[in-house]
Amino acid sequence: MAVDLGEASVWVLLLSLWWIHDTSMKYAFRLPKELVAQPLVLASLFFLSWRFASLPSLEPRRWWRLPVVRAVVPVLLVATAGLFTSAHPQHVAGALVSLWIGAAAWVGWNQGLPEPRLRRLVDATVLPASALALVGVLQFHGLYRPFDFAGETEGQRLGITSFAGSAGDLALFLVLPVLVAQVGLRSARGGRRWLWGSALLVCLWALAVTQTLSALVAVVLASAVLWWPLLPRRRALVGLAVAAAVAVGATAAVPPLRERVVDKVKELRRGDFNSVLTGRLDGWRAALYMLEEHPLAGVGHGAYRTEFAAAKLALSERSVEFFHDNRQVMFVNAHNEYLEAAAEWGLPGVLALGWGLWVVVSALRRRPADTWPVEDRALAWAGLTALAILALAQFPFRLALVGFEAVLFLAWAVPREAP
């Protein structure tokens, strides 16, 4: 009963969160999704806690041997310590709520939900992804416009929001379902094969029209990781060549994407790397400056945005040039999860994050091959690859829509027991 109710809460999260929005709010998409997601996650954990309460004993040693616990506890300790070291304790306290809920979801879902049910939930992420993708595609072609935008945004990349809130958020959410759909297409038969194929096509189409290059790169590289162990070497090489040809063809078939790629190539030839990265060097430099100024404790979890203006001013005094198209005083995120973690947590946080990544990768490598299908093993590695790439240029774990999808995937992918 506890497992059924816990799983039902996750199903409600998956099937409702994609649409949640409130245009009367300043942050009409991200904030409402977070406000709805967190209670649903806590509800699922509440129901799953009944299962843990019925266990005969909860030995600390057993819990520490679990990969998810060993990976997340050091990060939580370092981040929480920021309450006592940061100059912005209120910002830290607010951000810690989301971090602790996400961490609890990872551990609770990993240990509380049976692996087959987790796998089914991972497959189910394709449903909201397909719905969001379809709305985005219709927006791109001017067939459905659920929102009115000021100026010329409607016909531009920023007007392809679907119900995700932005082209970037939409693209980030679609990456993992694209990988899941590929595995589903490989194993399905009959009519189900057509369903998986249709879902994959609309998600790829939407990815292309969002023109989010980091997400497209993540899909291409993660797909290579996915198919490499599933195909004989010769067929895998042929498949990679076909995938490259499809990527080139998609770029040519979507004029805005083609123009964006051409512009990036021109900027790269000029050596204008900040333009190639759409101003991300600003956020990265600020993060490194914060780490330089606060190496032992960081600026505090969630305080990057608060410290950005001061960091930008200090860097300007050092004659650092910033992105010419960026007029914002505040950079909300560093657009690099690793650098933002370093800025907010300091060197201890870097060590804790490195430890967590090592625990996850080691647990996956050491899991016996005969304990799960080869498709699942390939999907787990592909998903980790995609998330690692997205974290280099985006902030997938700081968005409720994308973050809880990623947490669900990791809850399934990371082995439940120590190898």
Protein backbone atom coordinates (compact mmCIF):
# COMPACT_ATOMS: atom_id res chain seq x y z
CA MET A 1 0.00 0.00 0.00
CA ALA A 2 2.78 2.46 0.94
CA VAL A 3 4.66 1.75 -2.27
CA ASP A 4 1.48 2.13 -4.35
CA LEU A 5 0.68 5.53 -2.83
CA GLY A 6 4.29 6.67 -3.14
CA GLU A 7 4.38 5.67 -6.78
CA ALA A 8 1.00 7.31 -7.42
CA SER A 9 2.36 10.61 -6.11
CA VAL A 10 5.26 10.41 -8.55
CA TRP A 11 2.84 9.65 -11.37
CA VAL A 12 0.83 12.77 -10.49
CA LEU A 13 4.08 14.74 -10.50
CA LEU A 14 5.05 13.46 -13.94
CA LEU A 15 1.68 13.89 -15.58
CA SER A 16 0.79 17.33 -14.17
CA LEU A 17 4.00 19.31 -13.71
CA TRP A 18 4.65 19.87 -17.42
CA TRP A 19 1.50 22.00 -17.77
CA ILE A 20 1.58 23.95 -14.48
CA HIS A 21 1.95 27.71 -14.96
CA ASP A 22 0.50 30.97 -13.70
CA THR A 23 0.79 33.97 -16.00
CA SER A 24 -0.14 36.34 -13.16
CA MET A 25 3.17 35.61 -11.43
CA LYS A 26 6.51 37.24 -12.24
CA TYR A 27 8.08 33.82 -12.82
CA ALA A 28 5.07 32.32 -14.53
CA PHE A 29 6.53 28.87 -15.19
CA ARG A 30 9.49 27.96 -13.00
CA LEU A 31 8.07 29.13 -9.68
CA PRO A 32 4.59 27.54 -10.00
CA LYS A 33 6.17 24.26 -11.07
CA GLU A 34 8.46 24.33 -8.04
CA LEU A 35 5.59 25.17 -5.70
CA VAL A 36 3.56 22.22 -7.01
CA ALA A 37 6.45 19.77 -7.36
CA GLN A 38 7.83 20.00 -3.84
CA PRO A 39 4.61 19.03 -1.99
CA LEU A 40 4.07 16.13 -4.41
CA VAL A 41 7.62 14.91 -3.84
CA LEU A 42 7.18 15.19 -0.08
CA ALA A 43 3.87 13.31 -0.33
CA SER A 44 5.56 10.46 -2.18
CA LEU A 45 8.30 10.32 0.46
CA PHE A 46 5.72 10.40 3.26
CA PHE A 47 3.96 7.34 1.86
CA LEU A 48 7.23 5.53 1.17
CA SER A 49 8.34 6.21 4.74
CA TRP A 50 5.65 3.78 5.91
CA ARG A 51 7.61 1.05 4.20
CA PHE A 52 10.80 2.00 6.02
CA ALA A 53 8.96 2.18 9.33
CA SER A 54 7.90 -1.46 8.94
CA LEU A 55 11.48 -2.68 8.58
CA PRO A 56 12.88 -4.55 11.61
CA SER A 57 15.94 -2.31 11.96
CA LEU A 58 17.58 0.66 10.31
CA GLU A 59 21.28 0.24 11.01
CA PRO A 60 23.40 3.32 10.21
CA ARG A 61 26.11 1.13 8.72
CA ARG A 62 23.68 -0.35 6.23
CA TRP A 63 22.47 3.07 5.14
CA TRP A 64 26.00 4.37 4.70
CA ARG A 65 26.80 1.48 2.37
CA LEU A 66 24.09 2.62 -0.04
CA PRO A 67 25.63 4.47 -3.03
CA VAL A 68 23.00 7.23 -3.03
CA VAL A 69 23.58 7.98 0.65
CA ARG A 70 27.36 8.01 0.36
CA ALA A 71 27.11 10.27 -2.69
CA VAL A 72 24.73 12.87 -1.30
CA VAL A 73 25.52 13.20 2.43
CA PRO A 74 28.86 15.05 2.05
CA VAL A 75 27.26 17.51 -0.38
CA LEU A 76 24.39 18.17 2.04
CA LEU A 77 26.76 18.72 4.95
CA VAL A 78 28.93 21.19 3.04
CA ALA A 79 25.96 23.08 1.60
CA THR A 80 24.18 23.27 4.96
CA ALA A 81 27.32 24.60 6.64
CA GLY A 82 26.82 27.72 4.53
CA LEU A 83 24.09 28.76 6.98
CA PHE A 84 26.86 29.60 9.45
CA THR A 85 29.52 30.94 7.07
CA SER A 86 27.65 32.85 4.36
CA ALA A 87 26.93 36.56 4.42
CA HIS A 88 23.49 35.69 2.99
CA PRO A 89 21.97 33.15 5.42
CA GLN A 90 18.39 33.84 4.31
CA HIS A 91 19.22 33.09 0.68
CA VAL A 92 21.05 29.95 1.79
CA ALA A 93 18.14 28.78 3.93
CA GLY A 94 15.67 29.21 1.08
CA ALA A 95 17.84 27.38 -1.43
CA LEU A 96 18.59 24.56 1.02
CA VAL A 97 14.91 23.62 1.10
CA SER A 98 15.02 22.64 -2.58
CA LEU A 99 18.38 20.89 -2.18
CA TRP A 100 17.25 18.79 0.77
CA ILE A 101 13.96 17.86 -0.93
CA GLY A 102 15.83 16.81 -4.07
CA ALA A 103 18.32 14.78 -2.06
CA ALA A 104 15.54 13.12 -0.05
CA ALA A 105 13.73 12.27 -3.29
CA TRP A 106 16.86 10.66 -4.73
CA VAL A 107 17.41 8.48 -1.66
CA GLY A 108 13.74 7.81 -0.97
CA TRP A 109 12.80 6.84 -4.52
CA ASN A 110 15.96 4.79 -4.96
CA GLN A 111 15.30 2.78 -1.81
CA GLY A 112 11.52 2.95 -1.51
CA LEU A 113 10.34 2.12 -5.03
CA PRO A 114 11.08 -1.30 -6.57
CA GLU A 115 13.38 -1.13 -9.57
CA PRO A 116 10.73 -2.29 -12.10
CA ARG A 117 8.41 0.51 -10.97
CA LEU A 118 11.21 3.05 -11.24
CA ARG A 119 11.94 1.82 -14.76
CA ARG A 120 8.27 2.23 -15.67
CA LEU A 121 8.29 5.78 -14.31
CA VAL A 122 11.41 6.57 -16.34
CA ASP A 123 9.58 5.35 -19.45
CA ALA A 124 6.64 7.54 -18.48
CA THR A 125 8.75 10.71 -18.74
CA VAL A 126 8.23 10.40 -22.49
CA LEU A 127 4.53 11.28 -22.04
CA PRO A 128 4.94 14.84 -20.69
CA ALA A 129 7.96 15.31 -22.94
CA SER A 130 5.87 14.50 -26.01
CA ALA A 131 3.12 16.87 -24.90
CA LEU A 132 5.56 19.73 -24.29
CA ALA A 133 7.37 18.99 -27.54
CA LEU A 134 4.16 19.00 -29.57
CA VAL A 135 3.13 22.39 -28.17
CA GLY A 136 6.60 23.76 -28.92
CA VAL A 137 6.50 22.51 -32.50
CA LEU A 138 3.05 24.01 -33.04
CA GLN A 139 4.30 27.32 -31.63
CA PHE A 140 7.25 27.28 -34.00
CA HIS A 141 4.98 26.79 -37.01
CA GLY A 142 2.45 29.37 -35.79
CA LEU A 143 -0.34 26.79 -35.46
CA TYR A 144 -0.92 27.21 -31.73
CA ARG A 145 -0.03 30.21 -29.61
CA PRO A 146 -1.06 29.78 -25.97
CA PHE A 147 0.69 32.98 -24.89
CA ASP A 148 1.01 36.51 -26.23
CA PHE A 149 4.50 38.00 -26.30
CA ALA A 150 5.59 41.60 -26.52
CA GLY A 151 7.47 42.78 -29.59
CA GLU A 152 8.78 40.22 -32.06
CA THR A 153 9.43 37.45 -29.53
CA GLU A 154 6.51 35.36 -30.84
CA GLY A 155 8.31 34.41 -34.02
CA GLN A 156 11.75 34.05 -32.47
CA ARG A 157 13.52 31.34 -30.51
CA LEU A 158 12.49 32.89 -27.20
CA GLY A 159 8.86 32.52 -28.23
CA ILE A 160 9.11 28.72 -28.33
CA THR A 161 8.24 28.18 -24.69
CA SER A 162 5.62 25.43 -24.77
CA PHE A 163 4.54 25.16 -21.13
CA ALA A 164 8.14 24.81 -19.99
CA GLY A 165 8.68 28.56 -19.86
CA SER A 166 11.58 29.02 -22.25
CA ALA A 167 13.22 27.34 -25.21
CA GLY A 168 16.16 26.36 -23.02
CA ASP A 169 14.01 24.78 -20.28
CA LEU A 170 12.03 22.88 -22.91
CA ALA A 171 15.19 21.55 -24.55
CA LEU A 172 16.71 20.47 -21.23
CA PHE A 173 13.57 18.55 -20.32
CA LEU A 174 13.53 16.69 -23.64
CA VAL A 175 17.06 15.28 -23.50
CA LEU A 176 16.50 12.29 -21.20
CA PRO A 177 13.14 11.30 -22.78
CA VAL A 178 14.83 11.25 -26.21
CA LEU A 179 17.25 8.63 -24.87
CA VAL A 180 14.45 6.69 -23.19
CA ALA A 181 12.41 6.73 -26.41
CA GLN A 182 15.33 5.30 -28.38
CA VAL A 183 15.51 2.31 -26.04
CA GLY A 184 11.73 1.92 -26.16
CA LEU A 185 11.79 1.98 -29.95
CA ARG A 186 14.47 -0.72 -30.01
CA SER A 187 12.59 -3.14 -27.76
CA ALA A 188 8.97 -2.45 -28.79
CA ARG A 189 6.99 -4.44 -31.31
CA GLY A 190 3.91 -3.76 -33.41
CA GLY A 191 1.85 -0.70 -32.62
CA ARG A 192 3.95 0.20 -29.59
CA ARG A 193 6.89 0.65 -31.92
CA TRP A 194 4.96 3.30 -33.82
CA LEU A 195 4.10 5.07 -30.57
CA TRP A 196 7.72 5.15 -29.43
CA GLY A 197 8.83 6.28 -32.86
CA SER A 198 6.28 9.09 -32.96
CA ALA A 199 7.29 10.28 -29.50
CA LEU A 200 10.96 10.24 -30.48
CA LEU A 201 10.28 12.15 -33.69
CA VAL A 202 8.27 14.95 -32.07
CA CYS A 203 10.82 15.34 -29.25
CA LEU A 204 13.71 15.56 -31.72
CA TRP A 205 11.74 18.00 -33.84
CA ALA A 206 11.09 20.21 -30.83
CA LEU A 207 14.74 20.02 -29.80
CA ALA A 208 15.75 21.24 -33.23
CA VAL A 209 13.35 24.19 -33.24
CA THR A 210 14.46 25.33 -29.76
CA GLN A 211 17.94 25.79 -31.26
CA THR A 212 19.48 24.96 -27.87
CA LEU A 213 22.90 23.77 -28.97
CA SER A 214 24.03 22.41 -25.60
CA ALA A 215 20.99 20.12 -25.47
CA LEU A 216 21.53 19.00 -29.05
CA VAL A 217 25.18 18.19 -28.34
CA ALA A 218 24.14 16.27 -25.22
CA VAL A 219 21.63 14.20 -27.21
CA VAL A 220 24.13 13.38 -29.96
CA LEU A 221 26.95 12.34 -27.63
CA ALA A 222 24.69 10.50 -25.18
CA SER A 223 23.04 8.64 -28.07
CA ALA A 224 26.48 7.48 -29.18
CA VAL A 225 27.13 6.20 -25.64
CA LEU A 226 23.72 4.49 -25.71
CA TRP A 227 24.14 2.61 -28.97
CA TRP A 228 27.83 1.73 -28.76
CA PRO A 229 27.29 -1.35 -26.51
CA LEU A 230 23.99 -2.29 -28.17
CA LEU A 231 25.29 -2.76 -31.71
CA PRO A 232 28.19 -4.70 -33.24
CA ARG A 233 31.17 -2.40 -33.73
CA ARG A 234 30.73 -2.10 -37.50
CA ARG A 235 27.03 -1.39 -37.21
CA ALA A 236 27.71 1.05 -34.39
CA LEU A 237 30.12 3.00 -36.59
CA VAL A 238 27.58 3.02 -39.40
CA GLY A 239 24.94 4.17 -36.93
CA LEU A 240 27.16 7.02 -35.76
CA ALA A 241 27.68 8.10 -39.35
CA VAL A 242 23.93 8.00 -39.99
CA ALA A 243 23.27 9.98 -36.80
CA ALA A 244 25.80 12.60 -37.87
CA ALA A 245 24.11 12.83 -41.26
CA VAL A 246 20.71 13.20 -39.62
CA ALA A 247 22.05 15.96 -37.37
CA VAL A 248 23.43 17.82 -40.38
CA GLY A 249 20.17 17.31 -42.25
CA ALA A 250 18.11 18.57 -39.32
CA THR A 251 20.31 21.65 -39.09
CA ALA A 252 19.79 22.32 -42.77
CA ALA A 253 16.04 21.68 -42.59
CA VAL A 254 15.36 24.15 -39.76
CA PRO A 255 16.38 27.62 -41.04
CA PRO A 256 16.66 29.32 -37.61
CA LEU A 257 18.85 26.47 -36.34
CA ARG A 258 20.98 26.65 -39.47
CA GLU A 259 21.42 30.40 -39.05
CA ARG A 260 22.31 29.98 -35.39
CA VAL A 261 24.97 27.36 -36.18
CA VAL A 262 26.41 29.50 -38.98
CA ASP A 263 26.58 32.49 -36.63
CA LYS A 264 28.38 30.41 -34.01
CA VAL A 265 30.92 29.22 -36.58
CA LYS A 266 31.60 32.82 -37.63
CA GLU A 267 32.06 33.86 -34.00
CA LEU A 268 34.41 30.96 -33.42
CA ARG A 269 36.51 31.94 -36.42
CA ARG A 270 36.77 35.48 -35.03
CA GLY A 271 37.92 34.11 -31.70
CA ASP A 272 34.89 35.61 -29.96
CA PHE A 273 34.41 32.72 -27.54
CA ASN A 274 32.04 34.57 -25.24
CA SER A 275 29.65 35.12 -28.14
CA VAL A 276 29.97 31.44 -29.09
CA LEU A 277 28.91 30.63 -25.53
CA THR A 278 26.16 33.31 -25.57
CA GLY A 279 27.75 35.22 -22.71
CA ARG A 280 28.33 32.24 -20.45
CA LEU A 281 31.93 33.29 -19.84
CA ASP A 282 30.51 36.14 -17.75
CA GLY A 283 28.89 33.70 -15.37
CA TRP A 284 31.88 31.36 -15.35
CA ARG A 285 34.35 34.16 -14.59
CA ALA A 286 32.14 35.42 -11.79
CA ALA A 287 31.97 31.93 -10.30
CA LEU A 288 35.74 31.57 -10.39
CA TYR A 289 36.12 35.00 -8.80
CA MET A 290 33.79 33.98 -5.97
CA LEU A 291 35.81 30.81 -5.43
CA GLU A 292 39.00 32.88 -5.39
CA GLU A 293 37.55 35.24 -2.78
CA HIS A 294 35.86 32.54 -0.66
CA PRO A 295 37.90 29.35 -1.16
CA LEU A 296 37.12 27.66 2.16
CA ALA A 297 33.36 28.07 2.45
CA GLY A 298 32.10 29.62 -0.79
CA VAL A 299 29.50 32.37 -0.88
CA GLY A 300 26.77 30.06 0.37
CA HIS A 301 24.32 27.73 -1.34
CA GLY A 302 21.93 29.80 -3.44
CA ALA A 303 23.93 33.02 -2.97
CA TYR A 304 25.58 33.08 -6.40
CA ARG A 305 22.95 35.44 -7.79
CA THR A 306 23.38 37.75 -4.80
CA GLU A 307 27.15 37.95 -5.23
CA PHE A 308 27.19 38.26 -9.01
CA ALA A 309 26.90 42.06 -9.21
CA ALA A 310 29.83 42.57 -6.82
CA ALA A 311 31.88 39.99 -8.71
CA LYS A 312 31.13 41.64 -12.05
CA LEU A 313 32.13 45.04 -10.70
CA ALA A 314 35.40 43.68 -9.32
CA LEU A 315 36.19 41.92 -12.60
CA SER A 316 35.38 45.10 -14.54
CA GLU A 317 37.97 46.92 -12.45
CA ARG A 318 40.44 44.29 -13.65
CA SER A 319 39.54 45.27 -17.23
CA VAL A 320 37.68 42.02 -17.90
CA GLU A 321 35.41 42.39 -20.93
CA PHE A 322 31.85 41.15 -20.62
CA PHE A 323 29.42 39.92 -23.25
CA HIS A 324 28.37 42.87 -25.39
CA ASP A 325 24.72 41.77 -25.66
CA ASN A 326 24.28 41.27 -21.92
CA ARG A 327 22.95 44.36 -20.15
CA GLN A 328 21.88 42.52 -17.00
CA VAL A 329 23.45 43.50 -13.71
CA MET A 330 22.54 40.11 -12.23
CA PHE A 331 23.37 36.66 -13.62
CA VAL A 332 20.94 34.31 -11.88
CA ASN A 333 22.93 31.14 -12.61
CA ALA A 334 26.50 30.48 -13.68
CA HIS A 335 25.21 28.25 -16.49
CA ASN A 336 27.68 25.63 -15.28
CA GLU A 337 26.65 23.42 -12.38
CA TYR A 338 30.24 22.53 -11.48
CA LEU A 339 31.48 26.13 -11.31
CA GLU A 340 28.38 27.32 -9.48
CA ALA A 341 28.83 24.56 -6.92
CA ALA A 342 32.46 25.61 -6.48
CA ALA A 343 31.47 29.26 -6.05
CA GLU A 344 28.75 28.48 -3.51
CA TRP A 345 30.41 25.64 -1.58
CA GLY A 346 34.11 26.45 -1.86
CA LEU A 347 36.87 23.85 -2.13
CA PRO A 348 35.20 21.48 0.37
CA GLY A 349 32.17 21.51 -1.92
CA VAL A 350 34.36 20.69 -4.92
CA LEU A 351 35.72 17.69 -3.02
CA ALA A 352 32.22 16.63 -1.92
CA LEU A 353 30.88 16.91 -5.46
CA GLY A 354 33.85 14.99 -6.85
CA TRP A 355 33.34 12.30 -4.22
CA GLY A 356 29.64 12.01 -5.09
CA LEU A 357 30.36 11.66 -8.81
CA TRP A 358 33.03 9.04 -8.09
CA VAL A 359 30.60 7.04 -5.91
CA VAL A 360 27.92 7.06 -8.61
CA VAL A 361 30.27 6.11 -11.45
CA SER A 362 31.97 3.41 -9.36
CA ALA A 363 28.64 1.89 -8.33
CA LEU A 364 27.53 1.72 -11.96
CA ARG A 365 30.83 0.22 -13.13
CA ARG A 366 30.81 -2.42 -10.41
CA ARG A 367 27.22 -3.54 -10.82
CA PRO A 368 27.22 -7.10 -12.24
CA ALA A 369 26.16 -7.16 -15.88
CA ASP A 370 23.79 -10.09 -15.29
CA THR A 371 21.65 -8.11 -12.84
CA TRP A 372 20.02 -5.90 -15.45
CA PRO A 373 19.36 -5.90 -19.21
CA VAL A 374 22.06 -4.54 -21.49
CA GLU A 375 19.62 -1.88 -22.75
CA ASP A 376 19.11 -0.58 -19.22
CA ARG A 377 22.83 -0.49 -18.54
CA ALA A 378 23.43 1.44 -21.77
CA LEU A 379 20.58 3.84 -20.96
CA ALA A 380 21.98 4.50 -17.48
CA TRP A 381 25.40 5.43 -18.86
CA ALA A 382 23.86 7.50 -21.66
CA GLY A 383 21.69 9.42 -19.21
CA LEU A 384 24.64 10.15 -16.93
CA THR A 385 26.60 11.35 -19.95
CA ALA A 386 23.77 13.66 -21.02
CA LEU A 387 23.37 15.16 -17.55
CA ALA A 388 27.13 15.66 -17.21
CA ILE A 389 27.22 17.53 -20.54
CA LEU A 390 24.17 19.65 -19.75
CA ALA A 391 25.73 20.61 -16.42
CA LEU A 392 28.67 22.12 -18.30
CA ALA A 393 26.60 24.82 -19.99
CA GLN A 394 23.18 24.82 -18.29
CA PHE A 395 21.62 24.38 -14.84
CA PRO A 396 19.41 21.26 -15.08
CA PHE A 397 19.33 20.59 -11.34
CA ARG A 398 18.08 24.08 -10.46
CA LEU A 399 14.79 23.77 -12.37
CA ALA A 400 11.90 21.82 -10.87
CA LEU A 401 10.72 20.61 -14.28
CA VAL A 402 14.11 19.23 -15.28
CA GLY A 403 15.60 18.57 -11.86
CA PHE A 404 13.01 16.11 -10.57
CA GLU A 405 13.05 14.29 -13.91
CA ALA A 406 16.82 13.95 -13.51
CA VAL A 407 16.46 12.85 -9.87
CA LEU A 408 13.95 10.17 -10.91
CA PHE A 409 16.33 8.95 -13.61
CA LEU A 410 19.25 8.83 -11.18
CA ALA A 411 17.11 7.05 -8.57
CA TRP A 412 16.62 4.29 -11.13
CA ALA A 413 20.10 4.32 -12.67
CA VAL A 414 22.22 4.23 -9.50
CA PRO A 415 22.37 0.70 -7.99
CA ARG A 416 20.18 0.24 -4.94
CA GLU A 417 22.79 -1.73 -3.02
CA ALA A 418 26.56 -1.49 -2.74
CA PRO A 419 28.17 -3.88 -5.28
